C-alpha atoms as a PDB file:
ATOM      1  CA  UNK A   1       9.321  -6.855 -16.807  1.00  0.00           C
ATOM      2  CA  UNK A   2       5.605  -6.752 -17.249  1.00  0.00           C
ATOM      3  CA  UNK A   3       3.571  -5.884 -14.527  1.00  0.00           C
ATOM      4  CA  UNK A   4       0.061  -7.477 -15.190  1.00  0.00           C
ATOM      5  CA  UNK A   5      -3.391  -8.536 -13.254  1.00  0.00           C
ATOM      6  CA  UNK A   6      -2.575 -12.534 -12.335  1.00  0.00           C
ATOM      7  CA  UNK A   7      -4.378 -15.215 -14.743  1.00  0.00           C
ATOM      8  CA  UNK A   8      -5.516 -18.559 -13.750  1.00  0.00           C
ATOM      9  CA  UNK A   9      -1.712 -20.222 -15.304  1.00  0.00           C
ATOM     10  CA  UNK A  10      -0.073 -17.779 -12.801  1.00  0.00           C
ATOM     11  CA  UNK A  11      -1.874 -19.495  -9.727  1.00  0.00           C
ATOM     12  CA  UNK A  12       0.367 -22.693  -9.448  1.00  0.00           C
ATOM     13  CA  UNK A  13       3.510 -20.823 -10.370  1.00  0.00           C
ATOM     14  CA  UNK A  14       2.639 -18.063  -7.580  1.00  0.00           C
ATOM     15  CA  UNK A  15       1.845 -20.663  -5.155  1.00  0.00           C
ATOM     16  CA  UNK A  16       6.043 -22.031  -6.307  1.00  0.00           C
ATOM     17  CA  UNK A  17       7.156 -18.796  -5.524  1.00  0.00           C
ATOM     18  CA  UNK A  18       5.507 -18.331  -1.998  1.00  0.00           C
ATOM     19  CA  UNK A  19       7.256 -21.856  -1.280  1.00  0.00           C
ATOM     20  CA  UNK A  20      10.890 -20.411  -2.392  1.00  0.00           C
ATOM     21  CA  UNK A  21      10.674 -17.683   0.159  1.00  0.00           C
ATOM     22  CA  UNK A  22      13.353 -18.553   3.085  1.00  0.00           C
ATOM     23  CA  UNK A  23      11.697 -15.974   5.679  1.00  0.00           C
ATOM     24  CA  UNK A  24       7.955 -17.454   5.479  1.00  0.00           C
ATOM     25  CA  UNK A  25       7.281 -19.624   7.653  1.00  0.00           C
ATOM     26  CA  UNK A  26       5.023 -22.408   7.258  1.00  0.00           C
ATOM     27  CA  UNK A  27       2.142 -21.156   8.734  1.00  0.00           C
ATOM     28  CA  UNK A  28       2.832 -17.420   6.289  1.00  0.00           C
ATOM     29  CA  UNK A  29       3.101 -20.058   3.682  1.00  0.00           C
ATOM     30  CA  UNK A  30       0.205 -22.003   4.392  1.00  0.00           C
ATOM     31  CA  UNK A  31      -1.683 -18.329   4.680  1.00  0.00           C
ATOM     32  CA  UNK A  32      -0.201 -16.737   1.447  1.00  0.00           C
ATOM     33  CA  UNK A  33      -1.492 -20.023  -0.304  1.00  0.00           C
ATOM     34  CA  UNK A  34      -5.365 -19.431   0.960  1.00  0.00           C
ATOM     35  CA  UNK A  35      -5.288 -15.867   0.222  1.00  0.00           C
ATOM     36  CA  UNK A  36      -3.775 -16.039  -3.199  1.00  0.00           C
ATOM     37  CA  UNK A  37      -6.209 -18.835  -3.804  1.00  0.00           C
ATOM     38  CA  UNK A  38      -9.209 -16.469  -2.651  1.00  0.00           C
ATOM     39  CA  UNK A  39      -7.626 -13.809  -5.068  1.00  0.00           C
ATOM     40  CA  UNK A  40      -8.491 -15.862  -8.465  1.00  0.00           C
ATOM     41  CA  UNK A  41     -12.663 -15.528  -7.375  1.00  0.00           C
ATOM     42  CA  UNK A  42     -11.804 -11.757  -8.362  1.00  0.00           C
ATOM     43  CA  UNK A  43     -16.064 -11.149  -8.047  1.00  0.00           C
ATOM     44  CA  UNK A  44     -15.925 -12.040  -4.595  1.00  0.00           C
ATOM     45  CA  UNK A  45     -12.543 -12.276  -2.352  1.00  0.00           C
ATOM     46  CA  UNK A  46     -12.336  -8.429  -2.906  1.00  0.00           C
ATOM     47  CA  UNK A  47      -8.317  -8.997  -2.683  1.00  0.00           C
ATOM     48  CA  UNK A  48      -6.305  -7.971  -6.050  1.00  0.00           C
ATOM     49  CA  UNK A  49      -3.335 -10.075  -7.456  1.00  0.00           C
ATOM     50  CA  UNK A  50      -0.598  -8.734 -10.062  1.00  0.00           C
ATOM     51  CA  UNK A  51       2.222 -10.165 -10.928  1.00  0.00           C
ATOM     52  CA  UNK A  52       5.724  -9.461 -12.496  1.00  0.00           C
ATOM     53  CA  UNK A  53       6.574 -11.532 -15.533  1.00  0.00           C
ATOM     54  CA  UNK A  54       9.898 -11.524 -17.958  1.00  0.00           C
ATOM     55  CA  UNK A  55       9.191 -11.605 -21.864  1.00  0.00           C
ATOM     56  CA  UNK A  56       9.052 -15.209 -21.600  1.00  0.00           C
ATOM     57  CA  UNK A  57       6.158 -14.839 -19.226  1.00  0.00           C
ATOM     58  CA  UNK A  58       8.384 -16.487 -16.692  1.00  0.00           C
ATOM     59  CA  UNK A  59       7.229 -15.254 -12.670  1.00  0.00           C
ATOM     60  CA  UNK A  60       9.639 -12.936 -10.790  1.00  0.00           C
ATOM     61  CA  UNK A  61       7.228 -11.712  -8.350  1.00  0.00           C
ATOM     62  CA  UNK A  62       3.517 -10.838  -7.098  1.00  0.00           C
ATOM     63  CA  UNK A  63       1.681  -8.537  -4.939  1.00  0.00           C
ATOM     64  CA  UNK A  64      -1.478  -9.107  -3.479  1.00  0.00           C
ATOM     65  CA  UNK A  65      -3.689  -6.189  -1.976  1.00  0.00           C
ATOM     66  CA  UNK A  66      -7.199  -5.306  -0.758  1.00  0.00           C
ATOM     67  CA  UNK A  67      -9.619  -2.745   0.714  1.00  0.00           C
ATOM     68  CA  UNK A  68      -9.753  -2.839   4.325  1.00  0.00           C
ATOM     69  CA  UNK A  69     -13.064  -3.574   5.221  1.00  0.00           C
ATOM     70  CA  UNK A  70     -15.336  -0.764   6.858  1.00  0.00           C
ATOM     71  CA  UNK A  71     -13.067   1.926   5.704  1.00  0.00           C
ATOM     72  CA  UNK A  72     -13.195   4.659   3.124  1.00  0.00           C
ATOM     73  CA  UNK A  73     -10.348   4.059   0.464  1.00  0.00           C
ATOM     74  CA  UNK A  74      -7.722   2.287   2.998  1.00  0.00           C
ATOM     75  CA  UNK A  75      -5.875  -0.564   1.593  1.00  0.00           C
ATOM     76  CA  UNK A  76      -4.071  -3.506   2.768  1.00  0.00           C
ATOM     77  CA  UNK A  77      -0.958  -4.846   0.847  1.00  0.00           C
ATOM     78  CA  UNK A  78      -0.642  -8.296   2.118  1.00  0.00           C
ATOM     79  CA  UNK A  79       1.863  -9.980   0.176  1.00  0.00           C
ATOM     80  CA  UNK A  80       4.470  -8.560  -1.743  1.00  0.00           C
ATOM     81  CA  UNK A  81       7.471 -11.231  -2.742  1.00  0.00           C
ATOM     82  CA  UNK A  82      10.184 -11.448  -5.675  1.00  0.00           C
ATOM     83  CA  UNK A  83      11.962 -14.834  -6.724  1.00  0.00           C
ATOM     84  CA  UNK A  84      15.033 -15.391  -5.007  1.00  0.00           C
ATOM     85  CA  UNK A  85      16.627 -15.863  -8.508  1.00  0.00           C
ATOM     86  CA  UNK A  86      15.441 -12.443  -9.320  1.00  0.00           C
ATOM     87  CA  UNK A  87      16.024 -10.050  -6.271  1.00  0.00           C
ATOM     88  CA  UNK A  88      17.616  -6.359  -5.794  1.00  0.00           C
ATOM     89  CA  UNK A  89      16.581  -5.941  -9.371  1.00  0.00           C
ATOM     90  CA  UNK A  90      14.059  -3.324  -8.735  1.00  0.00           C
ATOM     91  CA  UNK A  91      10.915  -5.865  -9.470  1.00  0.00           C
ATOM     92  CA  UNK A  92       9.695  -5.170  -5.924  1.00  0.00           C
ATOM     93  CA  UNK A  93       9.833  -1.544  -6.554  1.00  0.00           C
ATOM     94  CA  UNK A  94       7.873  -1.770  -9.786  1.00  0.00           C
ATOM     95  CA  UNK A  95       5.453  -4.010  -8.448  1.00  0.00           C
ATOM     96  CA  UNK A  96       4.884  -1.523  -5.296  1.00  0.00           C
ATOM     97  CA  UNK A  97       4.459   1.514  -7.615  1.00  0.00           C
ATOM     98  CA  UNK A  98       2.019  -0.340 -10.007  1.00  0.00           C
ATOM     99  CA  UNK A  99       0.063  -1.098  -6.757  1.00  0.00           C
ATOM    100  CA  UNK A 100       0.291   2.323  -5.529  1.00  0.00           C
ATOM    101  CA  UNK A 101      -0.831   4.059  -9.340  1.00  0.00           C
ATOM    102  CA  UNK A 102      -3.674   1.515  -9.449  1.00  0.00           C
ATOM    103  CA  UNK A 103      -4.826   2.703  -5.921  1.00  0.00           C
ATOM    104  CA  UNK A 104      -4.985   6.096  -6.646  1.00  0.00           C
ATOM    105  CA  UNK A 105      -6.511   5.564  -9.817  1.00  0.00           C
ATOM    106  CA  UNK A 106      -9.057   4.119  -7.699  1.00  0.00           C
ATOM    107  CA  UNK A 107      -9.266   7.148  -5.082  1.00  0.00           C
ATOM    108  CA  UNK A 108      -7.825   4.785  -2.825  1.00  0.00           C
ATOM    109  CA  UNK A 109      -5.783   7.444  -0.172  1.00  0.00           C
ATOM    110  CA  UNK A 110      -3.505   5.223   2.793  1.00  0.00           C
ATOM    111  CA  UNK A 111      -1.801   1.335   2.417  1.00  0.00           C
ATOM    112  CA  UNK A 112      -1.271  -0.070   5.555  1.00  0.00           C
ATOM    113  CA  UNK A 113       1.564  -3.354   5.258  1.00  0.00           C
ATOM    114  CA  UNK A 114       2.662  -5.140   8.645  1.00  0.00           C
ATOM    115  CA  UNK A 115       5.255  -7.059   9.283  1.00  0.00           C
ATOM    116  CA  UNK A 116       6.932  -8.673  12.002  1.00  0.00           C
ATOM    117  CA  UNK A 117       9.921  -6.722  14.132  1.00  0.00           C
ATOM    118  CA  UNK A 118      12.478 -10.326  14.025  1.00  0.00           C
ATOM    119  CA  UNK A 119      16.063  -9.688  12.681  1.00  0.00           C
ATOM    120  CA  UNK A 120      14.900 -11.586   9.072  1.00  0.00           C
ATOM    121  CA  UNK A 121      12.689  -8.985   8.323  1.00  0.00           C
ATOM    122  CA  UNK A 122      14.698  -6.391   8.433  1.00  0.00           C
ATOM    123  CA  UNK A 123      14.952  -5.954   4.382  1.00  0.00           C
ATOM    124  CA  UNK A 124      11.079  -5.719   4.246  1.00  0.00           C
ATOM    125  CA  UNK A 125      10.965  -2.974   6.573  1.00  0.00           C
ATOM    126  CA  UNK A 126      13.812  -1.235   5.235  1.00  0.00           C
ATOM    127  CA  UNK A 127      12.324  -1.540   1.619  1.00  0.00           C
ATOM    128  CA  UNK A 128       9.127   0.122   2.807  1.00  0.00           C
ATOM    129  CA  UNK A 129      10.427   3.068   4.742  1.00  0.00           C
ATOM    130  CA  UNK A 130      12.453   3.358   1.044  1.00  0.00           C
ATOM    131  CA  UNK A 131       9.192   3.809  -0.464  1.00  0.00           C
ATOM    132  CA  UNK A 132       7.669   6.515   1.443  1.00  0.00           C
ATOM    133  CA  UNK A 133       6.084   4.221   4.358  1.00  0.00           C
ATOM    134  CA  UNK A 134       6.112   5.198   7.718  1.00  0.00           C
ATOM    135  CA  UNK A 135       5.456   3.227  10.963  1.00  0.00           C
ATOM    136  CA  UNK A 136       2.103   3.580  12.136  1.00  0.00           C
ATOM    137  CA  UNK A 137       2.417   1.634  15.307  1.00  0.00           C
ATOM    138  CA  UNK A 138       4.047  -1.345  17.137  1.00  0.00           C
ATOM    139  CA  UNK A 139       2.340  -3.995  18.869  1.00  0.00           C
ATOM    140  CA  UNK A 140       4.277  -5.387  21.183  1.00  0.00           C
ATOM    141  CA  UNK A 141       4.613  -9.589  20.812  1.00  0.00           C
ATOM    142  CA  UNK A 142       1.901  -9.757  18.761  1.00  0.00           C
ATOM    143  CA  UNK A 143       3.186 -12.860  17.167  1.00  0.00           C
ATOM    144  CA  UNK A 144       4.882 -14.312  19.964  1.00  0.00           C
ATOM    145  CA  UNK A 145       7.013 -13.329  22.759  1.00  0.00           C
ATOM    146  CA  UNK A 146       9.971 -11.240  21.307  1.00  0.00           C
ATOM    147  CA  UNK A 147       8.039 -10.883  17.452  1.00  0.00           C
ATOM    148  CA  UNK A 148       6.728  -7.161  17.622  1.00  0.00           C
ATOM    149  CA  UNK A 149       3.467  -6.469  14.822  1.00  0.00           C
ATOM    150  CA  UNK A 150       4.911  -3.896  12.554  1.00  0.00           C
ATOM    151  CA  UNK A 151       2.357  -1.618  10.929  1.00  0.00           C
ATOM    152  CA  UNK A 152       3.660   0.704   8.113  1.00  0.00           C
ATOM    153  CA  UNK A 153       1.075   3.131   6.332  1.00  0.00           C
ATOM    154  CA  UNK A 154       1.741   5.554   3.659  1.00  0.00           C
ATOM    155  CA  UNK A 155      -0.771   8.256   2.396  1.00  0.00           C
ATOM    156  CA  UNK A 156      -0.970   8.452  -1.520  1.00  0.00           C
END
């Protein structure tokens, strides 16, 4: 597996991968496409986009992150996704580690990531907890009634 910065040839592959993720609602897919599209404008967006590809350059996953505006050295993890055909092979862990290493290199001090409290997001919550992310807060009924926003944080 090769983790590298995304290039223009990855754009449509990433859009296709986002559409394959069953947990993502139509609104989430649309938002992901918007953020990822902006991430390709490297000089103006502030987003960073890295991909995991195999030896044939087939896309296996991606991660999108960026600095939290008006903070000192805090970062948001916006999206991380692995192709359903490549799930449970450690690709998400490799992407997360690559992001964290890149952030340490620029003296980042913490990473925030948020997700839903719904049952279908339990694997995502477990993933973050396994990688040292702690629940910073829960915003009740944030997305809709019964769907809390859970914000995780990890000190680098």
